[in-house]
Amino acid sequence: MIIGEGMNDGLFVAQINFIIGRVYNIKQEYETSVYFHENHLNLARQFQDSNGQSRAYFILSQLYEKINQYDKAKKYLARYKALTREVDKSTDGKNNLVKVRLKYFRQFFIFSNSESSCRISEC
């Protein structure tokens, strides 16, 4: 049992799934990484965590591309872009916490198509 499950803290469990998924990605065990990121996504949806959903959509699009499941990669990338636009519209251009977190995520967790690990990039 994960600590967060015992504490009934779903968002904590979601974050743990995200972290474990990242570890498996770095290890190039992409199918296992997908499993944990799908769990993260399901919890983020359950708790209406837009930031978590956005992160999961983006990472899943990259992972599915790496395992040659291009239809799923396109689907998740489209969902990522749609959610990002929705968040941008709902904030009406204001610099709120969600936008700051999305910018942080884009800067530090962008996957390189040619490498298995993440790279730092400026968006």
PDB file of N, CA and C in Angstrom:
ATOM      1  N   MET A   1       0.850  -1.183   0.000  1.00  0.00           N
ATOM      2  CA  MET A   1       0.000   0.000   0.000  1.00  0.00           C
ATOM      3  C   MET A   1       0.892   1.242   0.000  1.00  0.00           C
ATOM      4  N   ILE A   2       0.542   2.183  -0.848  1.00  0.00           N
ATOM      5  CA  ILE A   2       1.257   3.456  -0.907  1.00  0.00           C
ATOM      6  C   ILE A   2       0.801   4.321   0.260  1.00  0.00           C
ATOM      7  N   ILE A   3       1.709   5.115   0.798  1.00  0.00           N
ATOM      8  CA  ILE A   3       1.414   5.953   1.961  1.00  0.00           C
ATOM      9  C   ILE A   3       0.172   6.801   1.750  1.00  0.00           C
ATOM     10  N   GLY A   4       0.051   7.433   0.591  1.00  0.00           N
ATOM     11  CA  GLY A   4      -1.082   8.305   0.310  1.00  0.00           C
ATOM     12  C   GLY A   4      -2.407   7.581   0.334  1.00  0.00           C
ATOM     13  N   GLU A   5      -2.425   6.301  -0.083  1.00  0.00           N
ATOM     14  CA  GLU A   5      -3.670   5.542  -0.057  1.00  0.00           C
ATOM     15  C   GLU A   5      -4.147   5.375   1.377  1.00  0.00           C
ATOM     16  N   GLY A   6      -3.217   5.110   2.286  1.00  0.00           N
ATOM     17  CA  GLY A   6      -3.569   4.968   3.687  1.00  0.00           C
ATOM     18  C   GLY A   6      -4.064   6.269   4.276  1.00  0.00           C
ATOM     19  N   MET A   7      -3.614   7.366   3.739  1.00  0.00           N
ATOM     20  CA  MET A   7      -4.012   8.685   4.232  1.00  0.00           C
ATOM     21  C   MET A   7      -5.225   9.214   3.476  1.00  0.00           C
ATOM     22  N   ASN A   8      -5.744   8.454   2.517  1.00  0.00           N
ATOM     23  CA  ASN A   8      -6.862   8.900   1.667  1.00  0.00           C
ATOM     24  C   ASN A   8      -6.551  10.212   0.957  1.00  0.00           C
ATOM     25  N   ASP A   9      -5.345  10.374   0.524  1.00  0.00           N
ATOM     26  CA  ASP A   9      -4.928  11.582  -0.178  1.00  0.00           C
ATOM     27  C   ASP A   9      -4.709  11.239  -1.644  1.00  0.00           C
ATOM     28  N   GLY A  10      -5.761  11.362  -2.437  1.00  0.00           N
ATOM     29  CA  GLY A  10      -5.707  10.988  -3.840  1.00  0.00           C
ATOM     30  C   GLY A  10      -4.725  11.790  -4.649  1.00  0.00           C
ATOM     31  N   LEU A  11      -4.593  13.075  -4.361  1.00  0.00           N
ATOM     32  CA  LEU A  11      -3.645  13.894  -5.116  1.00  0.00           C
ATOM     33  C   LEU A  11      -2.208  13.476  -4.835  1.00  0.00           C
ATOM     34  N   PHE A  12      -1.954  13.058  -3.602  1.00  0.00           N
ATOM     35  CA  PHE A  12      -0.622  12.564  -3.260  1.00  0.00           C
ATOM     36  C   PHE A  12      -0.336  11.277  -4.029  1.00  0.00           C
ATOM     37  N   VAL A  13      -1.315  10.382  -4.097  1.00  0.00           N
ATOM     38  CA  VAL A  13      -1.165   9.136  -4.845  1.00  0.00           C
ATOM     39  C   VAL A  13      -0.940   9.446  -6.325  1.00  0.00           C
ATOM     40  N   ALA A  14      -1.645  10.439  -6.849  1.00  0.00           N
ATOM     41  CA  ALA A  14      -1.456  10.843  -8.242  1.00  0.00           C
ATOM     42  C   ALA A  14      -0.017  11.297  -8.473  1.00  0.00           C
ATOM     43  N   GLN A  15       0.515  12.097  -7.569  1.00  0.00           N
ATOM     44  CA  GLN A  15       1.890  12.584  -7.709  1.00  0.00           C
ATOM     45  C   GLN A  15       2.894  11.439  -7.627  1.00  0.00           C
ATOM     46  N   ILE A  16       2.626  10.474  -6.759  1.00  0.00           N
ATOM     47  CA  ILE A  16       3.514   9.318  -6.643  1.00  0.00           C
ATOM     48  C   ILE A  16       3.512   8.534  -7.958  1.00  0.00           C
ATOM     49  N   ASN A  17       2.321   8.340  -8.550  1.00  0.00           N
ATOM     50  CA  ASN A  17       2.246   7.652  -9.840  1.00  0.00           C
ATOM     51  C   ASN A  17       3.025   8.413 -10.905  1.00  0.00           C
ATOM     52  N   PHE A  18       2.928   9.737 -10.887  1.00  0.00           N
ATOM     53  CA  PHE A  18       3.682  10.561 -11.837  1.00  0.00           C
ATOM     54  C   PHE A  18       5.180  10.328 -11.672  1.00  0.00           C
ATOM     55  N   ILE A  19       5.658  10.360 -10.443  1.00  0.00           N
ATOM     56  CA  ILE A  19       7.094  10.202 -10.174  1.00  0.00           C
ATOM     57  C   ILE A  19       7.577   8.810 -10.582  1.00  0.00           C
ATOM     58  N   ILE A  20       6.810   7.792 -10.236  1.00  0.00           N
ATOM     59  CA  ILE A  20       7.198   6.429 -10.602  1.00  0.00           C
ATOM     60  C   ILE A  20       7.207   6.287 -12.130  1.00  0.00           C
ATOM     61  N   GLY A  21       6.221   6.873 -12.783  1.00  0.00           N
ATOM     62  CA  GLY A  21       6.195   6.849 -14.242  1.00  0.00           C
ATOM     63  C   GLY A  21       7.419   7.504 -14.849  1.00  0.00           C
ATOM     64  N   ARG A  22       7.854   8.602 -14.264  1.00  0.00           N
ATOM     65  CA  ARG A  22       9.060   9.297 -14.753  1.00  0.00           C
ATOM     66  C   ARG A  22      10.294   8.411 -14.592  1.00  0.00           C
ATOM     67  N   VAL A  23      10.373   7.703 -13.461  1.00  0.00           N
ATOM     68  CA  VAL A  23      11.519   6.817 -13.231  1.00  0.00           C
ATOM     69  C   VAL A  23      11.569   5.730 -14.303  1.00  0.00           C
ATOM     70  N   TYR A  24      10.425   5.105 -14.588  1.00  0.00           N
ATOM     71  CA  TYR A  24      10.400   4.069 -15.619  1.00  0.00           C
ATOM     72  C   TYR A  24      10.693   4.635 -16.999  1.00  0.00           C
ATOM     73  N   ASN A  25      10.322   5.868 -17.236  1.00  0.00           N
ATOM     74  CA  ASN A  25      10.658   6.504 -18.510  1.00  0.00           C
ATOM     75  C   ASN A  25      12.168   6.648 -18.641  1.00  0.00           C
ATOM     76  N   ILE A  26      12.799   7.115 -17.603  1.00  0.00           N
ATOM     77  CA  ILE A  26      14.253   7.278 -17.617  1.00  0.00           C
ATOM     78  C   ILE A  26      14.943   5.936 -17.825  1.00  0.00           C
ATOM     79  N   LYS A  27      14.354   4.881 -17.244  1.00  0.00           N
ATOM     80  CA  LYS A  27      14.901   3.527 -17.414  1.00  0.00           C
ATOM     81  C   LYS A  27      14.565   2.937 -18.782  1.00  0.00           C
ATOM     82  N   GLN A  28      13.823   3.681 -19.597  1.00  0.00           N
ATOM     83  CA  GLN A  28      13.382   3.274 -20.928  1.00  0.00           C
ATOM     84  C   GLN A  28      12.443   2.073 -20.877  1.00  0.00           C
ATOM     85  N   GLU A  29      11.715   1.932 -19.805  1.00  0.00           N
ATOM     86  CA  GLU A  29      10.684   0.904 -19.682  1.00  0.00           C
ATOM     87  C   GLU A  29       9.345   1.606 -19.921  1.00  0.00           C
ATOM     88  N   TYR A  30       9.080   1.867 -21.198  1.00  0.00           N
ATOM     89  CA  TYR A  30       8.001   2.758 -21.588  1.00  0.00           C
ATOM     90  C   TYR A  30       6.606   2.218 -21.280  1.00  0.00           C
ATOM     91  N   GLU A  31       6.387   0.906 -21.469  1.00  0.00           N
ATOM     92  CA  GLU A  31       5.052   0.369 -21.181  1.00  0.00           C
ATOM     93  C   GLU A  31       4.715   0.506 -19.695  1.00  0.00           C
ATOM     94  N   THR A  32       5.690   0.262 -18.842  1.00  0.00           N
ATOM     95  CA  THR A  32       5.469   0.416 -17.405  1.00  0.00           C
ATOM     96  C   THR A  32       5.256   1.880 -17.065  1.00  0.00           C
ATOM     97  N   SER A  33       5.996   2.748 -17.719  1.00  0.00           N
ATOM     98  CA  SER A  33       5.818   4.178 -17.517  1.00  0.00           C
ATOM     99  C   SER A  33       4.414   4.612 -17.920  1.00  0.00           C
ATOM    100  N   VAL A  34       3.919   4.091 -19.036  1.00  0.00           N
ATOM    101  CA  VAL A  34       2.560   4.401 -19.489  1.00  0.00           C
ATOM    102  C   VAL A  34       1.554   3.996 -18.415  1.00  0.00           C
ATOM    103  N   TYR A  35       1.731   2.817 -17.835  1.00  0.00           N
ATOM    104  CA  TYR A  35       0.816   2.330 -16.797  1.00  0.00           C
ATOM    105  C   TYR A  35       0.691   3.344 -15.651  1.00  0.00           C
ATOM    106  N   PHE A  36       1.826   3.822 -15.159  1.00  0.00           N
ATOM    107  CA  PHE A  36       1.796   4.755 -14.032  1.00  0.00           C
ATOM    108  C   PHE A  36       1.261   6.129 -14.436  1.00  0.00           C
ATOM    109  N   HIS A  37       1.578   6.568 -15.647  1.00  0.00           N
ATOM    110  CA  HIS A  37       1.053   7.864 -16.097  1.00  0.00           C
ATOM    111  C   HIS A  37      -0.446   7.794 -16.375  1.00  0.00           C
ATOM    112  N   GLU A  38      -0.944   6.641 -16.827  1.00  0.00           N
ATOM    113  CA  GLU A  38      -2.397   6.466 -16.987  1.00  0.00           C
ATOM    114  C   GLU A  38      -3.080   6.520 -15.616  1.00  0.00           C
ATOM    115  N   ASN A  39      -2.468   5.878 -14.607  1.00  0.00           N
ATOM    116  CA  ASN A  39      -3.011   5.960 -13.245  1.00  0.00           C
ATOM    117  C   ASN A  39      -3.029   7.409 -12.761  1.00  0.00           C
ATOM    118  N   HIS A  40      -1.945   8.122 -13.015  1.00  0.00           N
ATOM    119  CA  HIS A  40      -1.853   9.529 -12.645  1.00  0.00           C
ATOM    120  C   HIS A  40      -2.969  10.327 -13.316  1.00  0.00           C
ATOM    121  N   LEU A  41      -3.176  10.078 -14.612  1.00  0.00           N
ATOM    122  CA  LEU A  41      -4.218  10.784 -15.352  1.00  0.00           C
ATOM    123  C   LEU A  41      -5.602  10.506 -14.772  1.00  0.00           C
ATOM    124  N   ASN A  42      -5.895   9.256 -14.489  1.00  0.00           N
ATOM    125  CA  ASN A  42      -7.210   8.903 -13.933  1.00  0.00           C
ATOM    126  C   ASN A  42      -7.463   9.601 -12.604  1.00  0.00           C
ATOM    127  N   LEU A  43      -6.452   9.667 -11.759  1.00  0.00           N
ATOM    128  CA  LEU A  43      -6.613  10.361 -10.476  1.00  0.00           C
ATOM    129  C   LEU A  43      -6.741  11.869 -10.677  1.00  0.00           C
ATOM    130  N   ALA A  44      -5.975  12.416 -11.601  1.00  0.00           N
ATOM    131  CA  ALA A  44      -6.061  13.856 -11.880  1.00  0.00           C
ATOM    132  C   ALA A  44      -7.465  14.209 -12.387  1.00  0.00           C
ATOM    133  N   ARG A  45      -8.031  13.353 -13.223  1.00  0.00           N
ATOM    134  CA  ARG A  45      -9.408  13.583 -13.686  1.00  0.00           C
ATOM    135  C   ARG A  45     -10.385  13.510 -12.516  1.00  0.00           C
ATOM    136  N   GLN A  46     -10.216  12.495 -11.686  1.00  0.00           N
ATOM    137  CA  GLN A  46     -11.115  12.295 -10.548  1.00  0.00           C
ATOM    138  C   GLN A  46     -11.133  13.507  -9.633  1.00  0.00           C
ATOM    139  N   PHE A  47      -9.981  14.124  -9.437  1.00  0.00           N
ATOM    140  CA  PHE A  47      -9.881  15.273  -8.540  1.00  0.00           C
ATOM    141  C   PHE A  47      -9.912  16.609  -9.286  1.00  0.00           C
ATOM    142  N   GLN A  48     -10.245  16.565 -10.574  1.00  0.00           N
ATOM    143  CA  GLN A  48     -10.360  17.761 -11.405  1.00  0.00           C
ATOM    144  C   GLN A  48      -9.110  18.639 -11.330  1.00  0.00           C
ATOM    145  N   ASP A  49      -7.975  17.987 -11.409  1.00  0.00           N
ATOM    146  CA  ASP A  49      -6.679  18.654 -11.371  1.00  0.00           C
ATOM    147  C   ASP A  49      -6.231  18.940 -12.806  1.00  0.00           C
ATOM    148  N   SER A  50      -6.514  20.133 -13.288  1.00  0.00           N
ATOM    149  CA  SER A  50      -6.189  20.502 -14.672  1.00  0.00           C
ATOM    150  C   SER A  50      -4.696  20.427 -14.942  1.00  0.00           C
ATOM    151  N   ASN A  51      -3.906  20.862 -13.997  1.00  0.00           N
ATOM    152  CA  ASN A  51      -2.459  20.836 -14.157  1.00  0.00           C
ATOM    153  C   ASN A  51      -1.969  19.397 -14.296  1.00  0.00           C
ATOM    154  N   GLY A  52      -2.455  18.518 -13.435  1.00  0.00           N
ATOM    155  CA  GLY A  52      -2.064  17.110 -13.496  1.00  0.00           C
ATOM    156  C   GLY A  52      -2.508  16.447 -14.781  1.00  0.00           C
ATOM    157  N   GLN A  53      -3.718  16.759 -15.220  1.00  0.00           N
ATOM    158  CA  GLN A  53      -4.216  16.194 -16.477  1.00  0.00           C
ATOM    159  C   GLN A  53      -3.359  16.661 -17.650  1.00  0.00           C
ATOM    160  N   SER A  54      -3.040  17.928 -17.667  1.00  0.00           N
ATOM    161  CA  SER A  54      -2.229  18.478 -18.743  1.00  0.00           C
ATOM    162  C   SER A  54      -0.872  17.779 -18.806  1.00  0.00           C
ATOM    163  N   ARG A  55      -0.252  17.642 -17.655  1.00  0.00           N
ATOM    164  CA  ARG A  55       1.044  16.963 -17.569  1.00  0.00           C
ATOM    165  C   ARG A  55       0.936  15.532 -18.084  1.00  0.00           C
ATOM    166  N   ALA A  56      -0.094  14.831 -17.634  1.00  0.00           N
ATOM    167  CA  ALA A  56      -0.280  13.432 -18.034  1.00  0.00           C
ATOM    168  C   ALA A  56      -0.525  13.313 -19.537  1.00  0.00           C
ATOM    169  N   TYR A  57      -1.372  14.172 -20.090  1.00  0.00           N
ATOM    170  CA  TYR A  57      -1.642  14.126 -21.527  1.00  0.00           C
ATOM    171  C   TYR A  57      -0.356  14.310 -22.329  1.00  0.00           C
ATOM    172  N   PHE A  58       0.438  15.299 -21.925  1.00  0.00           N
ATOM    173  CA  PHE A  58       1.659  15.590 -22.668  1.00  0.00           C
ATOM    174  C   PHE A  58       2.644  14.425 -22.599  1.00  0.00           C
ATOM    175  N   ILE A  59       2.873  13.916 -21.411  1.00  0.00           N
ATOM    176  CA  ILE A  59       3.834  12.823 -21.242  1.00  0.00           C
ATOM    177  C   ILE A  59       3.347  11.562 -21.947  1.00  0.00           C
ATOM    178  N   LEU A  60       2.050  11.264 -21.820  1.00  0.00           N
ATOM    179  CA  LEU A  60       1.521  10.082 -22.494  1.00  0.00           C
ATOM    180  C   LEU A  60       1.655  10.194 -24.007  1.00  0.00           C
ATOM    181  N   SER A  61       1.489  11.390 -24.547  1.00  0.00           N
ATOM    182  CA  SER A  61       1.664  11.553 -25.995  1.00  0.00           C
ATOM    183  C   SER A  61       3.100  11.211 -26.394  1.00  0.00           C
ATOM    184  N   GLN A  62       4.050  11.617 -25.597  1.00  0.00           N
ATOM    185  CA  GLN A  62       5.455  11.327 -25.883  1.00  0.00           C
ATOM    186  C   GLN A  62       5.763   9.838 -25.724  1.00  0.00           C
ATOM    187  N   LEU A  63       5.222   9.238 -24.667  1.00  0.00           N
ATOM    188  CA  LEU A  63       5.468   7.811 -24.430  1.00  0.00           C
ATOM    189  C   LEU A  63       4.865   6.944 -25.532  1.00  0.00           C
ATOM    190  N   TYR A  64       3.633   7.246 -25.922  1.00  0.00           N
ATOM    191  CA  TYR A  64       3.005   6.455 -26.976  1.00  0.00           C
ATOM    192  C   TYR A  64       3.748   6.606 -28.295  1.00  0.00           C
ATOM    193  N   GLU A  65       4.325   7.767 -28.531  1.00  0.00           N
ATOM    194  CA  GLU A  65       5.138   7.932 -29.732  1.00  0.00           C
ATOM    195  C   GLU A  65       6.371   7.035 -29.664  1.00  0.00           C
ATOM    196  N   LYS A  66       6.973   6.940 -28.486  1.00  0.00           N
ATOM    197  CA  LYS A  66       8.167   6.112 -28.322  1.00  0.00           C
ATOM    198  C   LYS A  66       7.884   4.628 -28.520  1.00  0.00           C
ATOM    199  N   ILE A  67       6.657   4.195 -28.224  1.00  0.00           N
ATOM    200  CA  ILE A  67       6.334   2.778 -28.411  1.00  0.00           C
ATOM    201  C   ILE A  67       5.519   2.562 -29.693  1.00  0.00           C
ATOM    202  N   ASN A  68       5.588   3.533 -30.581  1.00  0.00           N
ATOM    203  CA  ASN A  68       5.014   3.451 -31.929  1.00  0.00           C
ATOM    204  C   ASN A  68       3.498   3.278 -31.947  1.00  0.00           C
ATOM    205  N   GLN A  69       2.817   3.829 -30.973  1.00  0.00           N
ATOM    206  CA  GLN A  69       1.354   3.855 -30.980  1.00  0.00           C
ATOM    207  C   GLN A  69       0.926   5.287 -31.303  1.00  0.00           C
ATOM    208  N   TYR A  70       1.049   5.617 -32.578  1.00  0.00           N
ATOM    209  CA  TYR A  70       0.914   6.992 -33.028  1.00  0.00           C
ATOM    210  C   TYR A  70      -0.502   7.546 -32.892  1.00  0.00           C
ATOM    211  N   ASP A  71      -1.517   6.706 -33.040  1.00  0.00           N
ATOM    212  CA  ASP A  71      -2.890   7.189 -32.866  1.00  0.00           C
ATOM    213  C   ASP A  71      -3.124   7.673 -31.445  1.00  0.00           C
ATOM    214  N   LYS A  72      -2.639   6.903 -30.476  1.00  0.00           N
ATOM    215  CA  LYS A  72      -2.787   7.309 -29.078  1.00  0.00           C
ATOM    216  C   LYS A  72      -1.937   8.551 -28.798  1.00  0.00           C
ATOM    217  N   ALA A  73      -0.759   8.606 -29.384  1.00  0.00           N
ATOM    218  CA  ALA A  73       0.108   9.777 -29.199  1.00  0.00           C
ATOM    219  C   ALA A  73      -0.589  11.043 -29.690  1.00  0.00           C
ATOM    220  N   LYS A  74      -1.207  10.963 -30.865  1.00  0.00           N
ATOM    221  CA  LYS A  74      -1.924  12.124 -31.414  1.00  0.00           C
ATOM    222  C   LYS A  74      -3.117  12.491 -30.549  1.00  0.00           C
ATOM    223  N   LYS A  75      -3.838  11.476 -30.060  1.00  0.00           N
ATOM    224  CA  LYS A  75      -5.017  11.719 -29.231  1.00  0.00           C
ATOM    225  C   LYS A  75      -4.633  12.482 -27.953  1.00  0.00           C
ATOM    226  N   TYR A  76      -3.579  12.026 -27.290  1.00  0.00           N
ATOM    227  CA  TYR A  76      -3.188  12.680 -26.043  1.00  0.00           C
ATOM    228  C   TYR A  76      -2.576  14.057 -26.291  1.00  0.00           C
ATOM    229  N   LEU A  77      -1.861  14.216 -27.385  1.00  0.00           N
ATOM    230  CA  LEU A  77      -1.317  15.535 -27.700  1.00  0.00           C
ATOM    231  C   LEU A  77      -2.448  16.518 -27.973  1.00  0.00           C
ATOM    232  N   ALA A  78      -3.475  16.071 -28.685  1.00  0.00           N
ATOM    233  CA  ALA A  78      -4.629  16.936 -28.960  1.00  0.00           C
ATOM    234  C   ALA A  78      -5.334  17.321 -27.658  1.00  0.00           C
ATOM    235  N   ARG A  79      -5.474  16.367 -26.737  1.00  0.00           N
ATOM    236  CA  ARG A  79      -6.101  16.665 -25.452  1.00  0.00           C
ATOM    237  C   ARG A  79      -5.260  17.643 -24.638  1.00  0.00           C
ATOM    238  N   TYR A  80      -3.943  17.478 -24.694  1.00  0.00           N
ATOM    239  CA  TYR A  80      -3.047  18.402 -24.004  1.00  0.00           C
ATOM    240  C   TYR A  80      -3.232  19.823 -24.539  1.00  0.00           C
ATOM    241  N   LYS A  81      -3.233  19.962 -25.852  1.00  0.00           N
ATOM    242  CA  LYS A  81      -3.372  21.288 -26.462  1.00  0.00           C
ATOM    243  C   LYS A  81      -4.734  21.900 -26.151  1.00  0.00           C
ATOM    244  N   ALA A  82      -5.789  21.085 -26.213  1.00  0.00           N
ATOM    245  CA  ALA A  82      -7.136  21.591 -25.928  1.00  0.00           C
ATOM    246  C   ALA A  82      -7.249  22.053 -24.484  1.00  0.00           C
ATOM    247  N   LEU A  83      -6.722  21.289 -23.555  1.00  0.00           N
ATOM    248  CA  LEU A  83      -6.788  21.666 -22.145  1.00  0.00           C
ATOM    249  C   LEU A  83      -5.971  22.925 -21.883  1.00  0.00           C
ATOM    250  N   THR A  84      -4.823  23.025 -22.508  1.00  0.00           N
ATOM    251  CA  THR A  84      -3.986  24.217 -22.347  1.00  0.00           C
ATOM    252  C   THR A  84      -4.722  25.457 -22.856  1.00  0.00           C
ATOM    253  N   ARG A  85      -5.378  25.335 -24.023  1.00  0.00           N
ATOM    254  CA  ARG A  85      -6.156  26.463 -24.554  1.00  0.00           C
ATOM    255  C   ARG A  85      -7.305  26.821 -23.613  1.00  0.00           C
ATOM    256  N   GLU A  86      -7.970  25.788 -23.085  1.00  0.00           N
ATOM    257  CA  GLU A  86      -9.092  26.016 -22.172  1.00  0.00           C
ATOM    258  C   GLU A  86      -8.634  26.752 -20.913  1.00  0.00           C
ATOM    259  N   VAL A  87      -7.507  26.357 -20.372  1.00  0.00           N
ATOM    260  CA  VAL A  87      -6.967  27.019 -19.178  1.00  0.00           C
ATOM    261  C   VAL A  87      -6.596  28.458 -19.507  1.00  0.00           C
ATOM    262  N   ASP A  88      -5.979  28.652 -20.680  1.00  0.00           N
ATOM    263  CA  ASP A  88      -5.607  30.012 -21.090  1.00  0.00           C
ATOM    264  C   ASP A  88      -6.835  30.906 -21.232  1.00  0.00           C
ATOM    265  N   LYS A  89      -7.915  30.369 -21.818  1.00  0.00           N
ATOM    266  CA  LYS A  89      -9.141  31.150 -21.985  1.00  0.00           C
ATOM    267  C   LYS A  89      -9.802  31.455 -20.651  1.00  0.00           C
ATOM    268  N   SER A  90      -9.822  30.467 -19.765  1.00  0.00           N
ATOM    269  CA  SER A  90     -10.501  30.657 -18.485  1.00  0.00           C
ATOM    270  C   SER A  90      -9.777  31.661 -17.593  1.00  0.00           C
ATOM    271  N   THR A  91      -8.483  31.833 -17.816  1.00  0.00           N
ATOM    272  CA  THR A  91      -7.744  32.800 -17.006  1.00  0.00           C
ATOM    273  C   THR A  91      -7.757  34.181 -17.640  1.00  0.00           C
ATOM    274  N   ASP A  92      -8.240  34.254 -18.882  1.00  0.00           N
ATOM    275  CA  ASP A  92      -8.363  35.531 -19.587  1.00  0.00           C
ATOM    276  C   ASP A  92      -7.041  36.288 -19.627  1.00  0.00           C
ATOM    277  N   GLY A  93      -5.945  35.521 -19.822  1.00  0.00           N
ATOM    278  CA  GLY A  93      -4.637  36.155 -19.942  1.00  0.00           C
ATOM    279  C   GLY A  93      -3.971  36.476 -18.622  1.00  0.00           C
ATOM    280  N   LYS A  94      -4.635  36.195 -17.515  1.00  0.00           N
ATOM    281  CA  LYS A  94      -4.037  36.496 -16.213  1.00  0.00           C
ATOM    282  C   LYS A  94      -2.999  35.446 -15.875  1.00  0.00           C
ATOM    283  N   ASN A  95      -2.008  35.822 -15.124  1.00  0.00           N
ATOM    284  CA  ASN A  95      -0.914  34.918 -14.776  1.00  0.00           C
ATOM    285  C   ASN A  95      -1.235  34.218 -13.460  1.00  0.00           C
ATOM    286  N   ASN A  96      -2.060  33.158 -13.527  1.00  0.00           N
ATOM    287  CA  ASN A  96      -2.423  32.456 -12.305  1.00  0.00           C
ATOM    288  C   ASN A  96      -1.513  31.262 -12.073  1.00  0.00           C
ATOM    289  N   LEU A  97      -1.764  30.542 -11.006  1.00  0.00           N
ATOM    290  CA  LEU A  97      -0.917  29.430 -10.599  1.00  0.00           C
ATOM    291  C   LEU A  97      -0.874  28.325 -11.653  1.00  0.00           C
ATOM    292  N   VAL A  98      -1.990  28.018 -12.271  1.00  0.00           N
ATOM    293  CA  VAL A  98      -2.016  26.957 -13.281  1.00  0.00           C
ATOM    294  C   VAL A  98      -1.117  27.311 -14.453  1.00  0.00           C
ATOM    295  N   LYS A  99      -1.203  28.545 -14.938  1.00  0.00           N
ATOM    296  CA  LYS A  99      -0.363  28.952 -16.057  1.00  0.00           C
ATOM    297  C   LYS A  99       1.117  28.918 -15.675  1.00  0.00           C
ATOM    298  N   VAL A 100       1.424  29.327 -14.474  1.00  0.00           N
ATOM    299  CA  VAL A 100       2.817  29.303 -14.025  1.00  0.00           C
ATOM    300  C   VAL A 100       3.319  27.868 -13.972  1.00  0.00           C
ATOM    301  N   ARG A 101       2.479  26.957 -13.444  1.00  0.00           N
ATOM    302  CA  ARG A 101       2.886  25.549 -13.379  1.00  0.00           C
ATOM    303  C   ARG A 101       3.039  24.953 -14.764  1.00  0.00           C
ATOM    304  N   LEU A 102       2.149  25.285 -15.697  1.00  0.00           N
ATOM    305  CA  LEU A 102       2.273  24.772 -17.059  1.00  0.00           C
ATOM    306  C   LEU A 102       3.565  25.264 -17.702  1.00  0.00           C
ATOM    307  N   LYS A 103       3.905  26.534 -17.477  1.00  0.00           N
ATOM    308  CA  LYS A 103       5.145  27.067 -18.025  1.00  0.00           C
ATOM    309  C   LYS A 103       6.342  26.344 -17.418  1.00  0.00           C
ATOM    310  N   TYR A 104       6.305  26.128 -16.112  1.00  0.00           N
ATOM    311  CA  TYR A 104       7.390  25.401 -15.440  1.00  0.00           C
ATOM    312  C   TYR A 104       7.522  24.008 -16.029  1.00  0.00           C
ATOM    313  N   PHE A 105       6.389  23.340 -16.199  1.00  0.00           N
ATOM    314  CA  PHE A 105       6.402  21.998 -16.758  1.00  0.00           C
ATOM    315  C   PHE A 105       7.006  21.989 -18.153  1.00  0.00           C
ATOM    316  N   ARG A 106       6.604  22.922 -18.970  1.00  0.00           N
ATOM    317  CA  ARG A 106       7.122  22.980 -20.341  1.00  0.00           C
ATOM    318  C   ARG A 106       8.624  23.208 -20.349  1.00  0.00           C
ATOM    319  N   GLN A 107       9.119  23.987 -19.409  1.00  0.00           N
ATOM    320  CA  GLN A 107      10.538  24.300 -19.391  1.00  0.00           C
ATOM    321  C   GLN A 107      11.393  23.131 -18.923  1.00  0.00           C
ATOM    322  N   PHE A 108      10.927  22.358 -17.980  1.00  0.00           N
ATOM    323  CA  PHE A 108      11.783  21.361 -17.355  1.00  0.00           C
ATOM    324  C   PHE A 108      11.462  19.913 -17.686  1.00  0.00           C
ATOM    325  N   PHE A 109      10.308  19.634 -18.253  1.00  0.00           N
ATOM    326  CA  PHE A 109       9.943  18.246 -18.489  1.00  0.00           C
ATOM    327  C   PHE A 109       9.633  17.954 -19.949  1.00  0.00           C
ATOM    328  N   ILE A 110      10.267  18.672 -20.854  1.00  0.00           N
ATOM    329  CA  ILE A 110      10.066  18.429 -22.274  1.00  0.00           C
ATOM    330  C   ILE A 110      10.956  17.252 -22.663  1.00  0.00           C
ATOM    331  N   PHE A 111      10.354  16.260 -23.290  1.00  0.00           N
ATOM    332  CA  PHE A 111      11.115  15.094 -23.711  1.00  0.00           C
ATOM    333  C   PHE A 111      11.814  15.380 -25.024  1.00  0.00           C
ATOM    334  N   SER A 112      13.003  14.870 -25.131  1.00  0.00           N
ATOM    335  CA  SER A 112      13.704  14.915 -26.401  1.00  0.00           C
ATOM    336  C   SER A 112      13.278  13.697 -27.214  1.00  0.00           C
ATOM    337  N   ASN A 113      12.988  13.882 -28.470  1.00  0.00           N
ATOM    338  CA  ASN A 113      12.601  12.758 -29.319  1.00  0.00           C
ATOM    339  C   ASN A 113      13.760  11.795 -29.542  1.00  0.00           C
ATOM    340  N   SER A 114      14.974  12.262 -29.414  1.00  0.00           N
ATOM    341  CA  SER A 114      16.123  11.410 -29.696  1.00  0.00           C
ATOM    342  C   SER A 114      16.761  10.820 -28.438  1.00  0.00           C
ATOM    343  N   GLU A 115      16.320  11.249 -27.270  1.00  0.00           N
ATOM    344  CA  GLU A 115      16.904  10.762 -26.023  1.00  0.00           C
ATOM    345  C   GLU A 115      15.821  10.195 -25.147  1.00  0.00           C
ATOM    346  N   SER A 116      16.203   9.310 -24.229  1.00  0.00           N
ATOM    347  CA  SER A 116      15.205   8.714 -23.345  1.00  0.00           C
ATOM    348  C   SER A 116      14.949   9.561 -22.110  1.00  0.00           C
ATOM    349  N   SER A 117      15.847  10.461 -21.796  1.00  0.00           N
ATOM    350  CA  SER A 117      15.654  11.285 -20.610  1.00  0.00           C
ATOM    351  C   SER A 117      15.107  12.647 -20.989  1.00  0.00           C
ATOM    352  N   CYS A 118      14.636  13.375 -19.993  1.00  0.00           N
ATOM    353  CA  CYS A 118      14.120  14.700 -20.285  1.00  0.00           C
ATOM    354  C   CYS A 118      15.274  15.681 -20.443  1.00  0.00           C
ATOM    355  N   ARG A 119      14.972  16.781 -21.078  1.00  0.00           N
ATOM    356  CA  ARG A 119      15.986  17.800 -21.283  1.00  0.00           C
ATOM    357  C   ARG A 119      15.413  19.149 -20.865  1.00  0.00           C
ATOM    358  N   ILE A 120      16.283  20.038 -20.496  1.00  0.00           N
ATOM    359  CA  ILE A 120      15.840  21.375 -20.159  1.00  0.00           C
ATOM    360  C   ILE A 120      15.761  22.181 -21.443  1.00  0.00           C
ATOM    361  N   SER A 121      14.631  22.826 -21.633  1.00  0.00           N
ATOM    362  CA  SER A 121      14.491  23.676 -22.826  1.00  0.00           C
ATOM    363  C   SER A 121      13.697  24.910 -22.457  1.00  0.00           C
ATOM    364  N   GLU A 122      13.853  25.911 -23.244  1.00  0.00           N
ATOM    365  CA  GLU A 122      13.074  27.127 -23.056  1.00  0.00           C
ATOM    366  C   GLU A 122      11.990  27.129 -24.100  1.00  0.00           C
ATOM    367  N   CYS A 123      10.756  27.367 -23.677  1.00  0.00           N
ATOM    368  CA  CYS A 123       9.628  27.373 -24.607  1.00  0.00           C
ATOM    369  C   CYS A 123       9.301  28.774 -25.041  1.00  0.00           C
TER     370      CYS A 123
END
